[in-house]
Amino acid sequence: MNNNECESNDDAIPNIFYNEFTCQINADILPSNWNSECYLNTLAKGSATRLSLVVEPTKLIEIFNEMIRDREHYLNKLTSEASNFEWVIESEEWVAYVKLLNKIIKFISIDL
């Protein structure tokens, strides 16, 4: 059994996402230009690497695509709360968040 199999049950995913966004993608620790292309790439690559260690990559891609399609998705609300960003409310932050999620998907896909 590998780490992906250990941690990929659906009950663990909200906790995994909450921890990632609290610790790594948090408004209190990111610079004001966090949504620049360069910084988004850095954030996305790190998140893709960390998350892929504990959740099966194709499952992650499926979840992120669901989140992009549904702004009201419970994981969007959870990550918004965890990160202190208002992407479920503020359109400008939503656009940057969707870019981030798409970049995370891209970096996960590279390793498939």
PDB file of N, CA and C in Angstrom:
ATOM      1  N   MET A   1       0.849  -1.182   0.000  1.00  0.00           N
ATOM      2  CA  MET A   1       0.000   0.000   0.000  1.00  0.00           C
ATOM      3  C   MET A   1       0.891   1.241   0.000  1.00  0.00           C
ATOM      4  N   ASN A   2       0.556   2.228  -0.857  1.00  0.00           N
ATOM      5  CA  ASN A   2       1.333   3.468  -0.880  1.00  0.00           C
ATOM      6  C   ASN A   2       0.558   4.584  -0.180  1.00  0.00           C
ATOM      7  N   ASN A   3       1.173   5.753  -0.070  1.00  0.00           N
ATOM      8  CA  ASN A   3       0.522   6.882   0.608  1.00  0.00           C
ATOM      9  C   ASN A   3      -0.787   7.266  -0.045  1.00  0.00           C
ATOM     10  N   ASN A   4      -0.854   7.174  -1.379  1.00  0.00           N
ATOM     11  CA  ASN A   4      -2.086   7.535  -2.074  1.00  0.00           C
ATOM     12  C   ASN A   4      -3.244   6.666  -1.614  1.00  0.00           C
ATOM     13  N   GLU A   5      -3.012   5.375  -1.466  1.00  0.00           N
ATOM     14  CA  GLU A   5      -4.062   4.459  -1.060  1.00  0.00           C
ATOM     15  C   GLU A   5      -4.443   4.679   0.398  1.00  0.00           C
ATOM     16  N   CYS A   6      -3.476   5.065   1.204  1.00  0.00           N
ATOM     17  CA  CYS A   6      -3.713   5.280   2.630  1.00  0.00           C
ATOM     18  C   CYS A   6      -4.658   6.443   2.897  1.00  0.00           C
ATOM     19  N   GLU A   7      -4.472   7.528   2.205  1.00  0.00           N
ATOM     20  CA  GLU A   7      -5.133   8.770   2.550  1.00  0.00           C
ATOM     21  C   GLU A   7      -6.222   9.215   1.579  1.00  0.00           C
ATOM     22  N   SER A   8      -6.534   8.428   0.575  1.00  0.00           N
ATOM     23  CA  SER A   8      -7.401   8.961  -0.463  1.00  0.00           C
ATOM     24  C   SER A   8      -8.889   8.737  -0.231  1.00  0.00           C
ATOM     25  N   ASN A   9      -9.302   8.266   0.931  1.00  0.00           N
ATOM     26  CA  ASN A   9     -10.736   8.103   1.125  1.00  0.00           C
ATOM     27  C   ASN A   9     -11.407   9.466   1.180  1.00  0.00           C
ATOM     28  N   ASP A  10     -12.665   9.501   0.782  1.00  0.00           N
ATOM     29  CA  ASP A  10     -13.373  10.772   0.632  1.00  0.00           C
ATOM     30  C   ASP A  10     -13.472  11.576   1.933  1.00  0.00           C
ATOM     31  N   ASP A  11     -13.485  10.909   3.082  1.00  0.00           N
ATOM     32  CA  ASP A  11     -13.562  11.627   4.352  1.00  0.00           C
ATOM     33  C   ASP A  11     -12.290  12.411   4.646  1.00  0.00           C
ATOM     34  N   ALA A  12     -11.163  11.950   4.135  1.00  0.00           N
ATOM     35  CA  ALA A  12      -9.886  12.612   4.403  1.00  0.00           C
ATOM     36  C   ALA A  12      -9.678  13.829   3.511  1.00  0.00           C
ATOM     37  N   ILE A  13     -10.308  13.860   2.363  1.00  0.00           N
ATOM     38  CA  ILE A  13     -10.050  14.922   1.390  1.00  0.00           C
ATOM     39  C   ILE A  13     -10.337  16.323   1.929  1.00  0.00           C
ATOM     40  N   PRO A  14     -11.477  16.563   2.572  1.00  0.00           N
ATOM     41  CA  PRO A  14     -11.678  17.921   3.114  1.00  0.00           C
ATOM     42  C   PRO A  14     -10.580  18.319   4.105  1.00  0.00           C
ATOM     43  N   ASN A  15     -10.151  17.404   4.926  1.00  0.00           N
ATOM     44  CA  ASN A  15      -9.100  17.694   5.891  1.00  0.00           C
ATOM     45  C   ASN A  15      -7.777  17.997   5.194  1.00  0.00           C
ATOM     46  N   ILE A  16      -7.464  17.216   4.177  1.00  0.00           N
ATOM     47  CA  ILE A  16      -6.236  17.420   3.399  1.00  0.00           C
ATOM     48  C   ILE A  16      -6.254  18.790   2.726  1.00  0.00           C
ATOM     49  N   PHE A  17      -7.376  19.135   2.108  1.00  0.00           N
ATOM     50  CA  PHE A  17      -7.497  20.427   1.437  1.00  0.00           C
ATOM     51  C   PHE A  17      -7.439  21.568   2.450  1.00  0.00           C
ATOM     52  N   TYR A  18      -8.117  21.417   3.582  1.00  0.00           N
ATOM     53  CA  TYR A  18      -8.104  22.460   4.612  1.00  0.00           C
ATOM     54  C   TYR A  18      -6.665  22.715   5.073  1.00  0.00           C
ATOM     55  N   ASN A  19      -5.928  21.649   5.327  1.00  0.00           N
ATOM     56  CA  ASN A  19      -4.540  21.806   5.772  1.00  0.00           C
ATOM     57  C   ASN A  19      -3.685  22.475   4.704  1.00  0.00           C
ATOM     58  N   GLU A  20      -3.842  22.066   3.455  1.00  0.00           N
ATOM     59  CA  GLU A  20      -3.048  22.658   2.365  1.00  0.00           C
ATOM     60  C   GLU A  20      -3.306  24.160   2.254  1.00  0.00           C
ATOM     61  N   PHE A  21      -4.561  24.553   2.281  1.00  0.00           N
ATOM     62  CA  PHE A  21      -4.880  25.966   2.090  1.00  0.00           C
ATOM     63  C   PHE A  21      -4.624  26.795   3.347  1.00  0.00           C
ATOM     64  N   THR A  22      -4.698  26.205   4.513  1.00  0.00           N
ATOM     65  CA  THR A  22      -4.359  26.923   5.738  1.00  0.00           C
ATOM     66  C   THR A  22      -2.858  27.192   5.799  1.00  0.00           C
ATOM     67  N   CYS A  23      -2.080  26.185   5.459  1.00  0.00           N
ATOM     68  CA  CYS A  23      -0.628  26.273   5.633  1.00  0.00           C
ATOM     69  C   CYS A  23       0.113  26.868   4.447  1.00  0.00           C
ATOM     70  N   GLN A  24      -0.384  26.680   3.226  1.00  0.00           N
ATOM     71  CA  GLN A  24       0.385  27.029   2.041  1.00  0.00           C
ATOM     72  C   GLN A  24      -0.206  28.162   1.212  1.00  0.00           C
ATOM     73  N   ILE A  25      -1.515  28.277   1.184  1.00  0.00           N
ATOM     74  CA  ILE A  25      -2.168  29.277   0.324  1.00  0.00           C
ATOM     75  C   ILE A  25      -3.062  30.130   1.217  1.00  0.00           C
ATOM     76  N   ASN A  26      -2.441  30.899   2.068  1.00  0.00           N
ATOM     77  CA  ASN A  26      -3.152  31.648   3.081  1.00  0.00           C
ATOM     78  C   ASN A  26      -2.903  33.142   2.913  1.00  0.00           C
ATOM     79  N   ALA A  27      -3.971  33.906   2.930  1.00  0.00           N
ATOM     80  CA  ALA A  27      -3.883  35.359   2.729  1.00  0.00           C
ATOM     81  C   ALA A  27      -2.968  36.027   3.748  1.00  0.00           C
ATOM     82  N   ASP A  28      -2.876  35.450   4.934  1.00  0.00           N
ATOM     83  CA  ASP A  28      -2.050  36.053   5.972  1.00  0.00           C
ATOM     84  C   ASP A  28      -0.553  35.908   5.713  1.00  0.00           C
ATOM     85  N   ILE A  29      -0.154  34.949   4.864  1.00  0.00           N
ATOM     86  CA  ILE A  29       1.274  34.735   4.636  1.00  0.00           C
ATOM     87  C   ILE A  29       1.718  35.009   3.198  1.00  0.00           C
ATOM     88  N   LEU A  30       0.769  35.126   2.288  1.00  0.00           N
ATOM     89  CA  LEU A  30       1.134  35.353   0.887  1.00  0.00           C
ATOM     90  C   LEU A  30       1.325  36.841   0.600  1.00  0.00           C
ATOM     91  N   PRO A  31       2.197  37.160  -0.342  1.00  0.00           N
ATOM     92  CA  PRO A  31       2.368  38.568  -0.731  1.00  0.00           C
ATOM     93  C   PRO A  31       1.132  39.050  -1.504  1.00  0.00           C
ATOM     94  N   SER A  32       1.012  40.338  -1.633  1.00  0.00           N
ATOM     95  CA  SER A  32      -0.162  40.904  -2.312  1.00  0.00           C
ATOM     96  C   SER A  32      -0.236  40.496  -3.779  1.00  0.00           C
ATOM     97  N   ASN A  33       0.886  40.117  -4.372  1.00  0.00           N
ATOM     98  CA  ASN A  33       0.883  39.712  -5.783  1.00  0.00           C
ATOM     99  C   ASN A  33       0.789  38.184  -5.943  1.00  0.00           C
ATOM    100  N   TRP A  34       0.190  37.514  -4.973  1.00  0.00           N
ATOM    101  CA  TRP A  34       0.086  36.051  -5.011  1.00  0.00           C
ATOM    102  C   TRP A  34      -0.590  35.552  -6.284  1.00  0.00           C
ATOM    103  N   ASN A  35      -1.423  36.381  -6.887  1.00  0.00           N
ATOM    104  CA  ASN A  35      -2.175  35.961  -8.075  1.00  0.00           C
ATOM    105  C   ASN A  35      -1.457  36.282  -9.388  1.00  0.00           C
ATOM    106  N   SER A  36      -0.193  36.702  -9.328  1.00  0.00           N
ATOM    107  CA  SER A  36       0.581  36.902 -10.559  1.00  0.00           C
ATOM    108  C   SER A  36       0.902  35.532 -11.156  1.00  0.00           C
ATOM    109  N   GLU A  37       1.128  35.493 -12.458  1.00  0.00           N
ATOM    110  CA  GLU A  37       1.388  34.220 -13.151  1.00  0.00           C
ATOM    111  C   GLU A  37       2.554  33.464 -12.510  1.00  0.00           C
ATOM    112  N   CYS A  38       3.626  34.159 -12.243  1.00  0.00           N
ATOM    113  CA  CYS A  38       4.816  33.524 -11.683  1.00  0.00           C
ATOM    114  C   CYS A  38       4.513  32.912 -10.311  1.00  0.00           C
ATOM    115  N   TYR A  39       3.863  33.667  -9.462  1.00  0.00           N
ATOM    116  CA  TYR A  39       3.573  33.186  -8.123  1.00  0.00           C
ATOM    117  C   TYR A  39       2.536  32.063  -8.159  1.00  0.00           C
ATOM    118  N   LEU A  40       1.530  32.178  -9.024  1.00  0.00           N
ATOM    119  CA  LEU A  40       0.546  31.103  -9.162  1.00  0.00           C
ATOM    120  C   LEU A  40       1.210  29.799  -9.578  1.00  0.00           C
ATOM    121  N   ASN A  41       2.174  29.876 -10.493  1.00  0.00           N
ATOM    122  CA  ASN A  41       2.899  28.674 -10.904  1.00  0.00           C
ATOM    123  C   ASN A  41       3.632  28.030  -9.724  1.00  0.00           C
ATOM    124  N   THR A  42       4.273  28.858  -8.918  1.00  0.00           N
ATOM    125  CA  THR A  42       5.001  28.350  -7.755  1.00  0.00           C
ATOM    126  C   THR A  42       4.053  27.702  -6.755  1.00  0.00           C
ATOM    127  N   LEU A  43       2.959  28.389  -6.453  1.00  0.00           N
ATOM    128  CA  LEU A  43       1.970  27.834  -5.525  1.00  0.00           C
ATOM    129  C   LEU A  43       1.385  26.530  -6.056  1.00  0.00           C
ATOM    130  N   ALA A  44       1.021  26.530  -7.330  1.00  0.00           N
ATOM    131  CA  ALA A  44       0.378  25.363  -7.938  1.00  0.00           C
ATOM    132  C   ALA A  44       1.308  24.157  -7.964  1.00  0.00           C
ATOM    133  N   LYS A  45       2.546  24.380  -8.311  1.00  0.00           N
ATOM    134  CA  LYS A  45       3.501  23.268  -8.381  1.00  0.00           C
ATOM    135  C   LYS A  45       3.695  22.645  -7.003  1.00  0.00           C
ATOM    136  N   GLY A  46       3.851  23.480  -5.994  1.00  0.00           N
ATOM    137  CA  GLY A  46       4.004  22.968  -4.629  1.00  0.00           C
ATOM    138  C   GLY A  46       2.771  22.210  -4.164  1.00  0.00           C
ATOM    139  N   SER A  47       1.601  22.775  -4.406  1.00  0.00           N
ATOM    140  CA  SER A  47       0.362  22.101  -3.994  1.00  0.00           C
ATOM    141  C   SER A  47       0.169  20.792  -4.738  1.00  0.00           C
ATOM    142  N   ALA A  48       0.423  20.794  -6.029  1.00  0.00           N
ATOM    143  CA  ALA A  48       0.279  19.572  -6.826  1.00  0.00           C
ATOM    144  C   ALA A  48       1.190  18.473  -6.281  1.00  0.00           C
ATOM    145  N   THR A  49       2.399  18.836  -5.955  1.00  0.00           N
ATOM    146  CA  THR A  49       3.357  17.855  -5.432  1.00  0.00           C
ATOM    147  C   THR A  49       2.893  17.302  -4.092  1.00  0.00           C
ATOM    148  N   ARG A  50       2.540  18.186  -3.169  1.00  0.00           N
ATOM    149  CA  ARG A  50       2.131  17.747  -1.832  1.00  0.00           C
ATOM    150  C   ARG A  50       0.842  16.936  -1.881  1.00  0.00           C
ATOM    151  N   LEU A  51      -0.156  17.441  -2.579  1.00  0.00           N
ATOM    152  CA  LEU A  51      -1.451  16.764  -2.610  1.00  0.00           C
ATOM    153  C   LEU A  51      -1.374  15.407  -3.307  1.00  0.00           C
ATOM    154  N   SER A  52      -0.549  15.308  -4.334  1.00  0.00           N
ATOM    155  CA  SER A  52      -0.408  14.041  -5.069  1.00  0.00           C
ATOM    156  C   SER A  52       0.256  12.955  -4.230  1.00  0.00           C
ATOM    157  N   LEU A  53       0.928  13.348  -3.174  1.00  0.00           N
ATOM    158  CA  LEU A  53       1.535  12.359  -2.287  1.00  0.00           C
ATOM    159  C   LEU A  53       0.508  11.652  -1.416  1.00  0.00           C
ATOM    160  N   VAL A  54      -0.635  12.300  -1.189  1.00  0.00           N
ATOM    161  CA  VAL A  54      -1.623  11.733  -0.260  1.00  0.00           C
ATOM    162  C   VAL A  54      -2.972  11.407  -0.896  1.00  0.00           C
ATOM    163  N   VAL A  55      -3.212  11.895  -2.105  1.00  0.00           N
ATOM    164  CA  VAL A  55      -4.464  11.599  -2.812  1.00  0.00           C
ATOM    165  C   VAL A  55      -4.103  11.158  -4.223  1.00  0.00           C
ATOM    166  N   GLU A  56      -4.778  10.143  -4.707  1.00  0.00           N
ATOM    167  CA  GLU A  56      -4.516   9.622  -6.046  1.00  0.00           C
ATOM    168  C   GLU A  56      -4.694  10.744  -7.068  1.00  0.00           C
ATOM    169  N   PRO A  57      -3.707  10.972  -7.934  1.00  0.00           N
ATOM    170  CA  PRO A  57      -3.725  12.117  -8.844  1.00  0.00           C
ATOM    171  C   PRO A  57      -4.974  12.247  -9.723  1.00  0.00           C
ATOM    172  N   THR A  58      -5.471  11.154 -10.273  1.00  0.00           N
ATOM    173  CA  THR A  58      -6.672  11.282 -11.115  1.00  0.00           C
ATOM    174  C   THR A  58      -7.880  11.692 -10.285  1.00  0.00           C
ATOM    175  N   LYS A  59      -7.924  11.262  -9.031  1.00  0.00           N
ATOM    176  CA  LYS A  59      -8.998  11.685  -8.116  1.00  0.00           C
ATOM    177  C   LYS A  59      -8.887  13.187  -7.853  1.00  0.00           C
ATOM    178  N   LEU A  60      -7.672  13.671  -7.636  1.00  0.00           N
ATOM    179  CA  LEU A  60      -7.465  15.109  -7.422  1.00  0.00           C
ATOM    180  C   LEU A  60      -7.952  15.924  -8.618  1.00  0.00           C
ATOM    181  N   ILE A  61      -7.588  15.491  -9.811  1.00  0.00           N
ATOM    182  CA  ILE A  61      -8.003  16.208 -11.023  1.00  0.00           C
ATOM    183  C   ILE A  61      -9.517  16.243 -11.120  1.00  0.00           C
ATOM    184  N   GLU A  62     -10.153  15.126 -10.835  1.00  0.00           N
ATOM    185  CA  GLU A  62     -11.622  15.059 -10.861  1.00  0.00           C
ATOM    186  C   GLU A  62     -12.224  16.042  -9.858  1.00  0.00           C
ATOM    187  N   ILE A  63     -11.689  16.069  -8.653  1.00  0.00           N
ATOM    188  CA  ILE A  63     -12.200  16.977  -7.614  1.00  0.00           C
ATOM    189  C   ILE A  63     -11.998  18.436  -8.016  1.00  0.00           C
ATOM    190  N   PHE A  64     -10.798  18.774  -8.480  1.00  0.00           N
ATOM    191  CA  PHE A  64     -10.538  20.164  -8.872  1.00  0.00           C
ATOM    192  C   PHE A  64     -11.448  20.602 -10.018  1.00  0.00           C
ATOM    193  N   ASN A  65     -11.697  19.724 -10.973  1.00  0.00           N
ATOM    194  CA  ASN A  65     -12.620  20.070 -12.062  1.00  0.00           C
ATOM    195  C   ASN A  65     -14.038  20.302 -11.545  1.00  0.00           C
ATOM    196  N   GLU A  66     -14.472  19.494 -10.587  1.00  0.00           N
ATOM    197  CA  GLU A  66     -15.786  19.714  -9.964  1.00  0.00           C
ATOM    198  C   GLU A  66     -15.822  21.071  -9.272  1.00  0.00           C
ATOM    199  N   MET A  67     -14.755  21.414  -8.586  1.00  0.00           N
ATOM    200  CA  MET A  67     -14.685  22.695  -7.875  1.00  0.00           C
ATOM    201  C   MET A  67     -14.731  23.870  -8.843  1.00  0.00           C
ATOM    202  N   ILE A  68     -14.057  23.742  -9.975  1.00  0.00           N
ATOM    203  CA  ILE A  68     -14.058  24.813 -10.977  1.00  0.00           C
ATOM    204  C   ILE A  68     -15.459  24.992 -11.572  1.00  0.00           C
ATOM    205  N   ARG A  69     -16.145  23.901 -11.793  1.00  0.00           N
ATOM    206  CA  ARG A  69     -17.492  23.970 -12.396  1.00  0.00           C
ATOM    207  C   ARG A  69     -18.551  24.519 -11.443  1.00  0.00           C
ATOM    208  N   ASP A  70     -18.319  24.390 -10.135  1.00  0.00           N
ATOM    209  CA  ASP A  70     -19.345  24.768  -9.156  1.00  0.00           C
ATOM    210  C   ASP A  70     -18.744  25.679  -8.088  1.00  0.00           C
ATOM    211  N   ARG A  71     -18.929  26.955  -8.267  1.00  0.00           N
ATOM    212  CA  ARG A  71     -18.373  27.936  -7.319  1.00  0.00           C
ATOM    213  C   ARG A  71     -18.854  27.687  -5.890  1.00  0.00           C
ATOM    214  N   GLU A  72     -20.045  27.125  -5.757  1.00  0.00           N
ATOM    215  CA  GLU A  72     -20.617  26.862  -4.435  1.00  0.00           C
ATOM    216  C   GLU A  72     -20.223  25.485  -3.883  1.00  0.00           C
ATOM    217  N   HIS A  73     -19.331  24.783  -4.544  1.00  0.00           N
ATOM    218  CA  HIS A  73     -18.873  23.466  -4.094  1.00  0.00           C
ATOM    219  C   HIS A  73     -18.377  23.575  -2.651  1.00  0.00           C
ATOM    220  N   TYR A  74     -18.711  22.589  -1.851  1.00  0.00           N
ATOM    221  CA  TYR A  74     -18.354  22.660  -0.432  1.00  0.00           C
ATOM    222  C   TYR A  74     -16.841  22.782  -0.212  1.00  0.00           C
ATOM    223  N   LEU A  75     -16.032  22.221  -1.104  1.00  0.00           N
ATOM    224  CA  LEU A  75     -14.577  22.352  -0.942  1.00  0.00           C
ATOM    225  C   LEU A  75     -14.093  23.760  -1.272  1.00  0.00           C
ATOM    226  N   ASN A  76     -14.783  24.469  -2.155  1.00  0.00           N
ATOM    227  CA  ASN A  76     -14.436  25.872  -2.407  1.00  0.00           C
ATOM    228  C   ASN A  76     -14.709  26.711  -1.164  1.00  0.00           C
ATOM    229  N   LYS A  77     -15.814  26.439  -0.517  1.00  0.00           N
ATOM    230  CA  LYS A  77     -16.139  27.169   0.715  1.00  0.00           C
ATOM    231  C   LYS A  77     -15.124  26.841   1.806  1.00  0.00           C
ATOM    232  N   LEU A  78     -14.752  25.574   1.897  1.00  0.00           N
ATOM    233  CA  LEU A  78     -13.792  25.140   2.898  1.00  0.00           C
ATOM    234  C   LEU A  78     -12.423  25.772   2.661  1.00  0.00           C
ATOM    235  N   THR A  79     -11.946  25.757   1.409  1.00  0.00           N
ATOM    236  CA  THR A  79     -10.628  26.339   1.124  1.00  0.00           C
ATOM    237  C   THR A  79     -10.646  27.860   1.271  1.00  0.00           C
ATOM    238  N   SER A  80     -11.777  28.478   0.969  1.00  0.00           N
ATOM    239  CA  SER A  80     -11.913  29.921   1.154  1.00  0.00           C
ATOM    240  C   SER A  80     -11.767  30.272   2.636  1.00  0.00           C
ATOM    241  N   GLU A  81     -12.438  29.511   3.464  1.00  0.00           N
ATOM    242  CA  GLU A  81     -12.339  29.719   4.907  1.00  0.00           C
ATOM    243  C   GLU A  81     -10.918  29.454   5.406  1.00  0.00           C
ATOM    244  N   ALA A  82     -10.325  28.375   4.939  1.00  0.00           N
ATOM    245  CA  ALA A  82      -8.990  27.990   5.393  1.00  0.00           C
ATOM    246  C   ALA A  82      -7.926  29.007   4.992  1.00  0.00           C
ATOM    247  N   SER A  83      -8.089  29.600   3.828  1.00  0.00           N
ATOM    248  CA  SER A  83      -7.059  30.487   3.276  1.00  0.00           C
ATOM    249  C   SER A  83      -7.276  31.963   3.608  1.00  0.00           C
ATOM    250  N   ASN A  84      -8.422  32.290   4.150  1.00  0.00           N
ATOM    251  CA  ASN A  84      -8.796  33.686   4.419  1.00  0.00           C
ATOM    252  C   ASN A  84      -8.958  34.514   3.147  1.00  0.00           C
ATOM    253  N   PHE A  85      -9.279  33.842   2.036  1.00  0.00           N
ATOM    254  CA  PHE A  85      -9.626  34.518   0.796  1.00  0.00           C
ATOM    255  C   PHE A  85     -11.128  34.389   0.587  1.00  0.00           C
ATOM    256  N   GLU A  86     -11.710  35.307  -0.170  1.00  0.00           N
ATOM    257  CA  GLU A  86     -13.161  35.321  -0.371  1.00  0.00           C
ATOM    258  C   GLU A  86     -13.536  34.911  -1.787  1.00  0.00           C
ATOM    259  N   TRP A  87     -12.899  33.870  -2.319  1.00  0.00           N
ATOM    260  CA  TRP A  87     -13.147  33.532  -3.723  1.00  0.00           C
ATOM    261  C   TRP A  87     -14.533  33.013  -4.001  1.00  0.00           C
ATOM    262  N   VAL A  88     -15.252  32.578  -2.995  1.00  0.00           N
ATOM    263  CA  VAL A  88     -16.638  32.176  -3.258  1.00  0.00           C
ATOM    264  C   VAL A  88     -17.565  33.388  -3.313  1.00  0.00           C
ATOM    265  N   ILE A  89     -17.053  34.565  -2.931  1.00  0.00           N
ATOM    266  CA  ILE A  89     -17.856  35.799  -2.934  1.00  0.00           C
ATOM    267  C   ILE A  89     -17.321  36.812  -3.941  1.00  0.00           C
ATOM    268  N   GLU A  90     -16.027  37.071  -3.898  1.00  0.00           N
ATOM    269  CA  GLU A  90     -15.400  38.109  -4.714  1.00  0.00           C
ATOM    270  C   GLU A  90     -15.010  37.582  -6.094  1.00  0.00           C
ATOM    271  N   SER A  91     -15.528  38.205  -7.136  1.00  0.00           N
ATOM    272  CA  SER A  91     -15.272  37.731  -8.504  1.00  0.00           C
ATOM    273  C   SER A  91     -13.799  37.770  -8.885  1.00  0.00           C
ATOM    274  N   GLU A  92     -13.093  38.810  -8.505  1.00  0.00           N
ATOM    275  CA  GLU A  92     -11.674  38.916  -8.845  1.00  0.00           C
ATOM    276  C   GLU A  92     -10.874  37.787  -8.191  1.00  0.00           C
ATOM    277  N   GLU A  93     -11.196  37.497  -6.949  1.00  0.00           N
ATOM    278  CA  GLU A  93     -10.500  36.404  -6.268  1.00  0.00           C
ATOM    279  C   GLU A  93     -10.904  35.053  -6.855  1.00  0.00           C
ATOM    280  N   TRP A  94     -12.164  34.910  -7.289  1.00  0.00           N
ATOM    281  CA  TRP A  94     -12.608  33.665  -7.917  1.00  0.00           C
ATOM    282  C   TRP A  94     -11.809  33.386  -9.190  1.00  0.00           C
ATOM    283  N   VAL A  95     -11.604  34.412  -9.997  1.00  0.00           N
ATOM    284  CA  VAL A  95     -10.847  34.254 -11.246  1.00  0.00           C
ATOM    285  C   VAL A  95      -9.418  33.778 -10.938  1.00  0.00           C
ATOM    286  N   ALA A  96      -8.774  34.383  -9.955  1.00  0.00           N
ATOM    287  CA  ALA A  96      -7.408  33.984  -9.590  1.00  0.00           C
ATOM    288  C   ALA A  96      -7.398  32.563  -9.021  1.00  0.00           C
ATOM    289  N   TYR A  97      -8.386  32.224  -8.235  1.00  0.00           N
ATOM    290  CA  TYR A  97      -8.498  30.889  -7.645  1.00  0.00           C
ATOM    291  C   TYR A  97      -8.668  29.824  -8.729  1.00  0.00           C
ATOM    292  N   VAL A  98      -9.523  30.088  -9.703  1.00  0.00           N
ATOM    293  CA  VAL A  98      -9.719  29.144 -10.810  1.00  0.00           C
ATOM    294  C   VAL A  98      -8.414  28.972 -11.597  1.00  0.00           C
ATOM    295  N   LYS A  99      -7.687  30.063 -11.804  1.00  0.00           N
ATOM    296  CA  LYS A  99      -6.373  29.950 -12.460  1.00  0.00           C
ATOM    297  C   LYS A  99      -5.455  29.045 -11.644  1.00  0.00           C
ATOM    298  N   LEU A 100      -5.453  29.234 -10.336  1.00  0.00           N
ATOM    299  CA  LEU A 100      -4.631  28.407  -9.459  1.00  0.00           C
ATOM    300  C   LEU A 100      -5.026  26.933  -9.579  1.00  0.00           C
ATOM    301  N   LEU A 101      -6.314  26.642  -9.512  1.00  0.00           N
ATOM    302  CA  LEU A 101      -6.769  25.257  -9.607  1.00  0.00           C
ATOM    303  C   LEU A 101      -6.398  24.645 -10.956  1.00  0.00           C
ATOM    304  N   ASN A 102      -6.557  25.410 -12.022  1.00  0.00           N
ATOM    305  CA  ASN A 102      -6.174  24.902 -13.346  1.00  0.00           C
ATOM    306  C   ASN A 102      -4.674  24.618 -13.425  1.00  0.00           C
ATOM    307  N   LYS A 103      -3.876  25.457 -12.801  1.00  0.00           N
ATOM    308  CA  LYS A 103      -2.433  25.236 -12.793  1.00  0.00           C
ATOM    309  C   LYS A 103      -2.067  24.018 -11.942  1.00  0.00           C
ATOM    310  N   ILE A 104      -2.765  23.818 -10.838  1.00  0.00           N
ATOM    311  CA  ILE A 104      -2.534  22.616 -10.032  1.00  0.00           C
ATOM    312  C   ILE A 104      -2.847  21.379 -10.875  1.00  0.00           C
ATOM    313  N   ILE A 105      -3.966  21.400 -11.587  1.00  0.00           N
ATOM    314  CA  ILE A 105      -4.332  20.291 -12.473  1.00  0.00           C
ATOM    315  C   ILE A 105      -3.220  20.055 -13.500  1.00  0.00           C
ATOM    316  N   LYS A 106      -2.705  21.141 -14.079  1.00  0.00           N
ATOM    317  CA  LYS A 106      -1.642  21.017 -15.083  1.00  0.00           C
ATOM    318  C   LYS A 106      -0.419  20.318 -14.502  1.00  0.00           C
ATOM    319  N   PHE A 107       0.005  20.731 -13.303  1.00  0.00           N
ATOM    320  CA  PHE A 107       1.191  20.128 -12.705  1.00  0.00           C
ATOM    321  C   PHE A 107       0.960  18.676 -12.273  1.00  0.00           C
ATOM    322  N   ILE A 108      -0.246  18.358 -11.838  1.00  0.00           N
ATOM    323  CA  ILE A 108      -0.566  16.961 -11.515  1.00  0.00           C
ATOM    324  C   ILE A 108      -0.515  16.129 -12.786  1.00  0.00           C
ATOM    325  N   SER A 109      -1.067  16.663 -13.877  1.00  0.00           N
ATOM    326  CA  SER A 109      -1.147  15.937 -15.146  1.00  0.00           C
ATOM    327  C   SER A 109       0.231  15.645 -15.735  1.00  0.00           C
ATOM    328  N   ILE A 110       1.177  16.520 -15.493  1.00  0.00           N
ATOM    329  CA  ILE A 110       2.541  16.322 -16.009  1.00  0.00           C
ATOM    330  C   ILE A 110       3.132  15.023 -15.480  1.00  0.00           C
ATOM    331  N   ASP A 111       2.825  14.691 -14.243  1.00  0.00           N
ATOM    332  CA  ASP A 111       3.410  13.501 -13.611  1.00  0.00           C
ATOM    333  C   ASP A 111       2.601  12.236 -13.837  1.00  0.00           C
ATOM    334  N   LEU A 112       1.496  12.322 -14.554  1.00  0.00           N
ATOM    335  CA  LEU A 112       0.698  11.099 -14.798  1.00  0.00           C
ATOM    336  C   LEU A 112       1.320  10.230 -15.862  1.00  0.00           C
TER     337      LEU A 112
END
